C-alpha atoms as a PDB file:
ATOM      1  CA  MET A   1     -40.793  61.736  26.298  1.00  0.00           C
ATOM      2  CA  LYS A   2     -38.188  60.427  23.873  1.00  0.00           C
ATOM      3  CA  GLN A   3     -35.449  60.971  26.435  1.00  0.00           C
ATOM      4  CA  LEU A   4     -37.443  58.946  28.964  1.00  0.00           C
ATOM      5  CA  MET A   5     -37.921  56.143  26.424  1.00  0.00           C
ATOM      6  CA  TYR A   6     -34.195  56.039  25.591  1.00  0.00           C
ATOM      7  CA  THR A   7     -33.341  56.000  29.299  1.00  0.00           C
ATOM      8  CA  GLY A   8     -35.723  53.075  29.824  1.00  0.00           C
ATOM      9  CA  ILE A   9     -34.222  51.100  26.948  1.00  0.00           C
ATOM     10  CA  LEU A  10     -30.690  51.724  28.214  1.00  0.00           C
ATOM     11  CA  THR A  11     -31.661  50.735  31.757  1.00  0.00           C
ATOM     12  CA  ALA A  12     -33.290  47.522  30.512  1.00  0.00           C
ATOM     13  CA  ALA A  13     -30.190  46.641  28.475  1.00  0.00           C
ATOM     14  CA  LEU A  14     -27.936  47.183  31.500  1.00  0.00           C
ATOM     15  CA  LEU A  15     -30.193  45.030  33.674  1.00  0.00           C
ATOM     16  CA  VAL A  16     -30.022  42.186  31.138  1.00  0.00           C
ATOM     17  CA  LEU A  17     -26.228  42.372  31.192  1.00  0.00           C
ATOM     18  CA  LEU A  18     -26.053  42.541  34.979  1.00  0.00           C
ATOM     19  CA  ALA A  19     -28.557  39.695  35.392  1.00  0.00           C
ATOM     20  CA  ASN A  20     -26.059  37.192  34.015  1.00  0.00           C
ATOM     21  CA  PRO A  21     -24.257  35.131  36.655  1.00  0.00           C
ATOM     22  CA  VAL A  22     -21.072  36.777  37.880  1.00  0.00           C
ATOM     23  CA  LEU A  23     -18.251  34.491  36.770  1.00  0.00           C
ATOM     24  CA  ALA A  24     -14.501  34.806  37.008  1.00  0.00           C
ATOM     25  CA  THR A  25     -13.018  37.000  34.297  1.00  0.00           C
ATOM     26  CA  ASP A  26     -10.842  34.127  33.064  1.00  0.00           C
ATOM     27  CA  ALA A  27     -13.953  32.058  32.342  1.00  0.00           C
ATOM     28  CA  PHE A  28     -14.500  34.033  29.136  1.00  0.00           C
ATOM     29  CA  ASN A  29     -10.863  34.089  28.063  1.00  0.00           C
ATOM     30  CA  ARG A  30      -9.957  30.432  28.171  1.00  0.00           C
ATOM     31  CA  PRO A  31      -7.610  29.181  25.456  1.00  0.00           C
ATOM     32  CA  GLY A  32      -8.886  26.457  23.188  1.00  0.00           C
ATOM     33  CA  PRO A  33     -10.708  25.715  19.922  1.00  0.00           C
ATOM     34  CA  TYR A  34     -14.059  27.126  18.871  1.00  0.00           C
ATOM     35  CA  LEU A  35     -16.604  26.713  16.070  1.00  0.00           C
ATOM     36  CA  GLY A  36     -19.202  29.156  14.821  1.00  0.00           C
ATOM     37  CA  LEU A  37     -22.021  29.285  12.290  1.00  0.00           C
ATOM     38  CA  GLY A  38     -24.080  32.240  11.170  1.00  0.00           C
ATOM     39  CA  MET A  39     -26.097  33.929   8.476  1.00  0.00           C
ATOM     40  CA  ALA A  40     -24.483  36.614   6.332  1.00  0.00           C
ATOM     41  CA  GLY A  41     -25.623  39.313   3.968  1.00  0.00           C
ATOM     42  CA  GLY A  42     -23.442  40.384   1.054  1.00  0.00           C
ATOM     43  CA  LEU A  43     -23.488  44.057   0.070  1.00  0.00           C
ATOM     44  CA  SER A  44     -22.169  44.325  -3.458  1.00  0.00           C
ATOM     45  CA  GLU A  45     -19.466  46.885  -4.171  1.00  0.00           C
ATOM     46  CA  PHE A  46     -18.837  45.453  -7.617  1.00  0.00           C
ATOM     47  CA  SER A  47     -17.347  47.647 -10.314  1.00  0.00           C
ATOM     48  CA  GLY A  48     -16.996  47.379 -14.093  1.00  0.00           C
ATOM     49  CA  ALA A  49     -19.624  45.353 -15.925  1.00  0.00           C
ATOM     50  CA  ALA A  50     -20.953  43.964 -12.634  1.00  0.00           C
ATOM     51  CA  ARG A  51     -21.606  47.412 -11.121  1.00  0.00           C
ATOM     52  CA  GLY A  52     -25.106  47.737  -9.704  1.00  0.00           C
ATOM     53  CA  ALA A  53     -25.576  44.041  -8.874  1.00  0.00           C
ATOM     54  CA  GLU A  54     -28.200  43.265  -6.263  1.00  0.00           C
ATOM     55  CA  ASP A  55     -27.166  42.310  -2.733  1.00  0.00           C
ATOM     56  CA  SER A  56     -27.006  38.673  -1.674  1.00  0.00           C
ATOM     57  CA  LEU A  57     -27.671  36.357   1.248  1.00  0.00           C
ATOM     58  CA  GLY A  58     -25.483  33.511   2.476  1.00  0.00           C
ATOM     59  CA  PHE A  59     -23.797  32.010   5.512  1.00  0.00           C
ATOM     60  CA  ASN A  60     -20.377  31.711   7.086  1.00  0.00           C
ATOM     61  CA  PHE A  61     -18.617  29.057   9.140  1.00  0.00           C
ATOM     62  CA  HIS A  62     -15.813  29.854  11.581  1.00  0.00           C
ATOM     63  CA  GLY A  63     -13.268  27.526  13.180  1.00  0.00           C
ATOM     64  CA  GLY A  64     -10.376  28.759  15.243  1.00  0.00           C
ATOM     65  CA  TYR A  65      -8.077  28.450  18.212  1.00  0.00           C
ATOM     66  CA  ARG A  66      -7.693  31.022  20.951  1.00  0.00           C
ATOM     67  CA  PHE A  67      -4.222  31.199  22.485  1.00  0.00           C
ATOM     68  CA  ASN A  68      -4.768  33.729  25.290  1.00  0.00           C
ATOM     69  CA  ASP A  69      -6.775  36.815  26.254  1.00  0.00           C
ATOM     70  CA  TYR A  70      -5.907  38.702  23.089  1.00  0.00           C
ATOM     71  CA  PHE A  71      -4.891  36.454  20.186  1.00  0.00           C
ATOM     72  CA  ALA A  72      -6.464  33.713  18.084  1.00  0.00           C
ATOM     73  CA  VAL A  73      -6.161  32.243  14.608  1.00  0.00           C
ATOM     74  CA  GLU A  74      -9.300  31.601  12.627  1.00  0.00           C
ATOM     75  CA  GLY A  75     -10.302  29.850   9.448  1.00  0.00           C
ATOM     76  CA  LEU A  76     -13.453  31.100   7.739  1.00  0.00           C
ATOM     77  CA  TYR A  77     -15.608  29.779   4.928  1.00  0.00           C
ATOM     78  CA  GLU A  78     -18.313  32.026   3.523  1.00  0.00           C
ATOM     79  CA  TYR A  79     -20.833  31.351   0.781  1.00  0.00           C
ATOM     80  CA  MET A  80     -22.776  34.107  -0.880  1.00  0.00           C
ATOM     81  CA  ASP A  81     -25.791  33.125  -2.937  1.00  0.00           C
ATOM     82  CA  GLU A  82     -26.092  34.653  -6.342  1.00  0.00           C
ATOM     83  CA  PHE A  83     -25.596  38.370  -6.693  1.00  0.00           C
ATOM     84  CA  SER A  84     -27.704  39.212  -9.740  1.00  0.00           C
ATOM     85  CA  LYS A  85     -27.948  41.896 -12.376  1.00  0.00           C
ATOM     86  CA  THR A  86     -29.817  42.369 -15.620  1.00  0.00           C
ATOM     87  CA  VAL A  87     -27.340  42.928 -18.467  1.00  0.00           C
ATOM     88  CA  GLU A  88     -27.954  43.990 -22.048  1.00  0.00           C
ATOM     89  CA  ASP A  89     -25.951  43.403 -25.233  1.00  0.00           C
ATOM     90  CA  SER A  90     -25.425  45.845 -28.084  1.00  0.00           C
ATOM     91  CA  ALA A  91     -28.480  44.466 -29.897  1.00  0.00           C
ATOM     92  CA  GLY A  92     -30.704  45.216 -26.917  1.00  0.00           C
ATOM     93  CA  GLU A  93     -31.071  41.596 -25.778  1.00  0.00           C
ATOM     94  CA  ARG A  94     -31.359  41.370 -22.004  1.00  0.00           C
ATOM     95  CA  ALA A  95     -30.205  38.559 -19.747  1.00  0.00           C
ATOM     96  CA  LYS A  96     -30.050  38.034 -16.004  1.00  0.00           C
ATOM     97  CA  ALA A  97     -26.489  37.494 -14.797  1.00  0.00           C
ATOM     98  CA  HIS A  98     -25.970  35.597 -11.534  1.00  0.00           C
ATOM     99  CA  ILE A  99     -22.664  35.606  -9.654  1.00  0.00           C
ATOM    100  CA  GLY A 100     -22.111  33.260  -6.701  1.00  0.00           C
ATOM    101  CA  THR A 101     -19.020  33.379  -4.462  1.00  0.00           C
ATOM    102  CA  ASN A 102     -17.174  31.074  -2.078  1.00  0.00           C
ATOM    103  CA  ASN A 103     -14.578  32.707   0.167  1.00  0.00           C
ATOM    104  CA  PHE A 104     -11.981  30.834   2.248  1.00  0.00           C
ATOM    105  CA  SER A 105      -9.728  32.856   4.574  1.00  0.00           C
ATOM    106  CA  LEU A 106      -7.093  32.162   7.222  1.00  0.00           C
ATOM    107  CA  MET A 107      -6.898  35.108   9.594  1.00  0.00           C
ATOM    108  CA  THR A 108      -5.144  36.401  12.674  1.00  0.00           C
ATOM    109  CA  LYS A 109      -7.663  37.637  15.241  1.00  0.00           C
ATOM    110  CA  VAL A 110      -6.916  40.270  17.874  1.00  0.00           C
ATOM    111  CA  ILE A 111      -9.354  40.509  20.802  1.00  0.00           C
ATOM    112  CA  LEU A 112      -9.507  44.068  22.100  1.00  0.00           C
ATOM    113  CA  PRO A 113      -9.504  44.722  25.862  1.00  0.00           C
ATOM    114  CA  THR A 114     -12.682  45.975  27.546  1.00  0.00           C
ATOM    115  CA  LEU A 115     -12.983  47.663  30.915  1.00  0.00           C
ATOM    116  CA  GLY A 116     -14.674  45.337  33.372  1.00  0.00           C
ATOM    117  CA  LEU A 117     -17.046  43.584  30.936  1.00  0.00           C
ATOM    118  CA  SER A 118     -15.215  40.463  29.862  1.00  0.00           C
ATOM    119  CA  GLN A 119     -18.363  38.912  28.339  1.00  0.00           C
ATOM    120  CA  LEU A 120     -18.332  41.573  25.590  1.00  0.00           C
ATOM    121  CA  GLN A 121     -15.233  41.145  23.425  1.00  0.00           C
ATOM    122  CA  PRO A 122     -14.684  43.323  20.346  1.00  0.00           C
ATOM    123  CA  PHE A 123     -12.164  42.067  17.806  1.00  0.00           C
ATOM    124  CA  VAL A 124     -10.397  42.850  14.566  1.00  0.00           C
ATOM    125  CA  ALA A 125      -9.016  40.249  12.152  1.00  0.00           C
ATOM    126  CA  GLY A 126      -7.285  40.052   8.826  1.00  0.00           C
ATOM    127  CA  GLY A 127      -5.734  37.508   6.524  1.00  0.00           C
ATOM    128  CA  ILE A 128      -5.640  35.965   3.100  1.00  0.00           C
ATOM    129  CA  GLY A 129      -7.197  33.010   1.342  1.00  0.00           C
ATOM    130  CA  PHE A 130      -8.975  32.579  -1.919  1.00  0.00           C
ATOM    131  CA  MET A 131     -12.291  33.328  -3.536  1.00  0.00           C
ATOM    132  CA  GLU A 132     -14.146  31.348  -6.146  1.00  0.00           C
ATOM    133  CA  ALA A 133     -16.674  33.235  -8.258  1.00  0.00           C
ATOM    134  CA  SER A 134     -18.989  31.643 -10.790  1.00  0.00           C
ATOM    135  CA  GLY A 135     -21.580  33.170 -13.065  1.00  0.00           C
ATOM    136  CA  ASP A 136     -24.010  32.038 -15.733  1.00  0.00           C
ATOM    137  CA  ALA A 137     -23.531  35.197 -17.811  1.00  0.00           C
ATOM    138  CA  GLU A 138     -21.381  38.285 -17.821  1.00  0.00           C
ATOM    139  CA  ALA A 139     -21.350  41.646 -19.566  1.00  0.00           C
ATOM    140  CA  ARG A 140     -18.091  42.382 -21.344  1.00  0.00           C
ATOM    141  CA  ASN A 141     -17.458  45.267 -23.723  1.00  0.00           C
ATOM    142  CA  GLY A 142     -21.166  45.857 -24.181  1.00  0.00           C
ATOM    143  CA  GLU A 143     -21.916  42.212 -25.028  1.00  0.00           C
ATOM    144  CA  VAL A 144     -23.460  39.388 -23.036  1.00  0.00           C
ATOM    145  CA  HIS A 145     -21.202  36.318 -22.916  1.00  0.00           C
ATOM    146  CA  ARG A 146     -21.486  32.892 -21.396  1.00  0.00           C
ATOM    147  CA  GLY A 147     -20.275  32.833 -17.803  1.00  0.00           C
ATOM    148  CA  GLY A 148     -17.730  30.614 -16.135  1.00  0.00           C
ATOM    149  CA  ASN A 149     -15.887  30.357 -12.866  1.00  0.00           C
ATOM    150  CA  SER A 150     -12.574  31.612 -11.553  1.00  0.00           C
ATOM    151  CA  VAL A 151     -10.518  31.047  -8.397  1.00  0.00           C
ATOM    152  CA  GLU A 152      -7.865  33.414  -7.103  1.00  0.00           C
ATOM    153  CA  PHE A 153      -6.225  34.765  -3.974  1.00  0.00           C
ATOM    154  CA  ALA A 154      -8.294  37.209  -1.930  1.00  0.00           C
ATOM    155  CA  GLY A 155      -7.635  39.261   1.167  1.00  0.00           C
ATOM    156  CA  ARG A 156     -10.150  39.790   3.948  1.00  0.00           C
ATOM    157  CA  VAL A 157     -10.416  42.205   6.863  1.00  0.00           C
ATOM    158  CA  ASP A 158     -12.956  41.714   9.639  1.00  0.00           C
ATOM    159  CA  GLY A 159     -14.207  43.513  12.697  1.00  0.00           C
ATOM    160  CA  GLY A 160     -16.938  42.672  15.159  1.00  0.00           C
ATOM    161  CA  VAL A 161     -17.876  41.629  18.643  1.00  0.00           C
ATOM    162  CA  ASP A 162     -18.398  38.371  20.547  1.00  0.00           C
ATOM    163  CA  TYR A 163     -20.841  38.348  23.452  1.00  0.00           C
ATOM    164  CA  PHE A 164     -20.547  35.380  25.822  1.00  0.00           C
ATOM    165  CA  LEU A 165     -23.825  34.001  27.177  1.00  0.00           C
ATOM    166  CA  THR A 166     -21.884  31.316  29.060  1.00  0.00           C
ATOM    167  CA  PRO A 167     -18.160  30.451  29.031  1.00  0.00           C
ATOM    168  CA  GLU A 168     -18.920  27.961  26.232  1.00  0.00           C
ATOM    169  CA  ILE A 169     -21.579  29.712  24.140  1.00  0.00           C
ATOM    170  CA  SER A 170     -21.244  33.129  22.553  1.00  0.00           C
ATOM    171  CA  THR A 171     -23.071  35.134  19.934  1.00  0.00           C
ATOM    172  CA  PHE A 172     -21.196  37.183  17.350  1.00  0.00           C
ATOM    173  CA  PHE A 173     -21.695  40.013  14.923  1.00  0.00           C
ATOM    174  CA  ASP A 174     -19.049  40.764  12.332  1.00  0.00           C
ATOM    175  CA  VAL A 175     -18.387  42.912   9.301  1.00  0.00           C
ATOM    176  CA  GLY A 176     -15.959  41.632   6.652  1.00  0.00           C
ATOM    177  CA  TYR A 177     -14.564  43.138   3.474  1.00  0.00           C
ATOM    178  CA  VAL A 178     -13.447  40.703   0.761  1.00  0.00           C
ATOM    179  CA  ILE A 179     -10.759  41.894  -1.650  1.00  0.00           C
ATOM    180  CA  PRO A 180      -9.909  39.673  -4.657  1.00  0.00           C
ATOM    181  CA  THR A 181      -6.450  40.364  -6.060  1.00  0.00           C
ATOM    182  CA  ASP A 182      -6.475  39.646  -9.791  1.00  0.00           C
ATOM    183  CA  ARG A 183      -9.100  39.193 -12.518  1.00  0.00           C
ATOM    184  CA  LEU A 184     -11.913  39.233  -9.943  1.00  0.00           C
ATOM    185  CA  GLU A 185     -10.834  42.533  -8.411  1.00  0.00           C
ATOM    186  CA  HIS A 186     -14.121  44.127  -9.522  1.00  0.00           C
ATOM    187  CA  LEU A 187     -16.027  41.720  -7.229  1.00  0.00           C
ATOM    188  CA  ASN A 188     -15.261  43.293  -3.848  1.00  0.00           C
ATOM    189  CA  TYR A 189     -18.124  42.916  -1.372  1.00  0.00           C
ATOM    190  CA  LEU A 190     -19.001  43.738   2.223  1.00  0.00           C
ATOM    191  CA  SER A 191     -20.289  40.931   4.444  1.00  0.00           C
ATOM    192  CA  LEU A 192     -22.527  41.450   7.501  1.00  0.00           C
ATOM    193  CA  GLY A 193     -22.750  38.292   9.601  1.00  0.00           C
ATOM    194  CA  ALA A 194     -24.309  37.170  12.892  1.00  0.00           C
ATOM    195  CA  GLY A 195     -24.512  33.801  14.576  1.00  0.00           C
ATOM    196  CA  VAL A 196     -23.456  31.548  17.443  1.00  0.00           C
ATOM    197  CA  LYS A 197     -20.091  30.107  18.479  1.00  0.00           C
ATOM    198  CA  TYR A 198     -19.262  27.168  20.713  1.00  0.00           C
ATOM    199  CA  ASN A 199     -16.013  27.407  22.671  1.00  0.00           C
ATOM    200  CA  PHE A 200     -14.579  24.043  23.670  1.00  0.00           C
END
């Protein structure tokens, strides 16, 4: 029974893909600029005093230029709403710490070849930019201190897939890993994003 159900789901998915109008392969690989907007979820991998922070929700904005079938450059802005954690000082006083992040990255994007399905385009990307983190409290050496904000360089690696509904409109799903390089190095997080792009 389960095998029959899985076969039905797979068949339905293939029919949806095949039902799209058959367009020239080049229609989905045209060079030019694009913009994208999507929701994102932040999965905290914080360490140190921020270890155990709750996950977050935010959004990301993409803008880029595609040069050919396989290469593009992309700028990305991502905002993560406050990661939060309850912290406690040596006297037993508890406070809720909130950490919000803004991540800006300039990346090189490589579109991976697919066999015969040009509408589905997996990609990998990587680059560097900067991250701003701000918090209203932080735990340091067993004490709760007033928060602040800090900006520093951060690396980012991405992977995902674009699926073209038309030559102009595509949906995307991506996974990004943000890697601050200095004092914020304990604030690494994983981003899961999905949204829509418009290709000019």
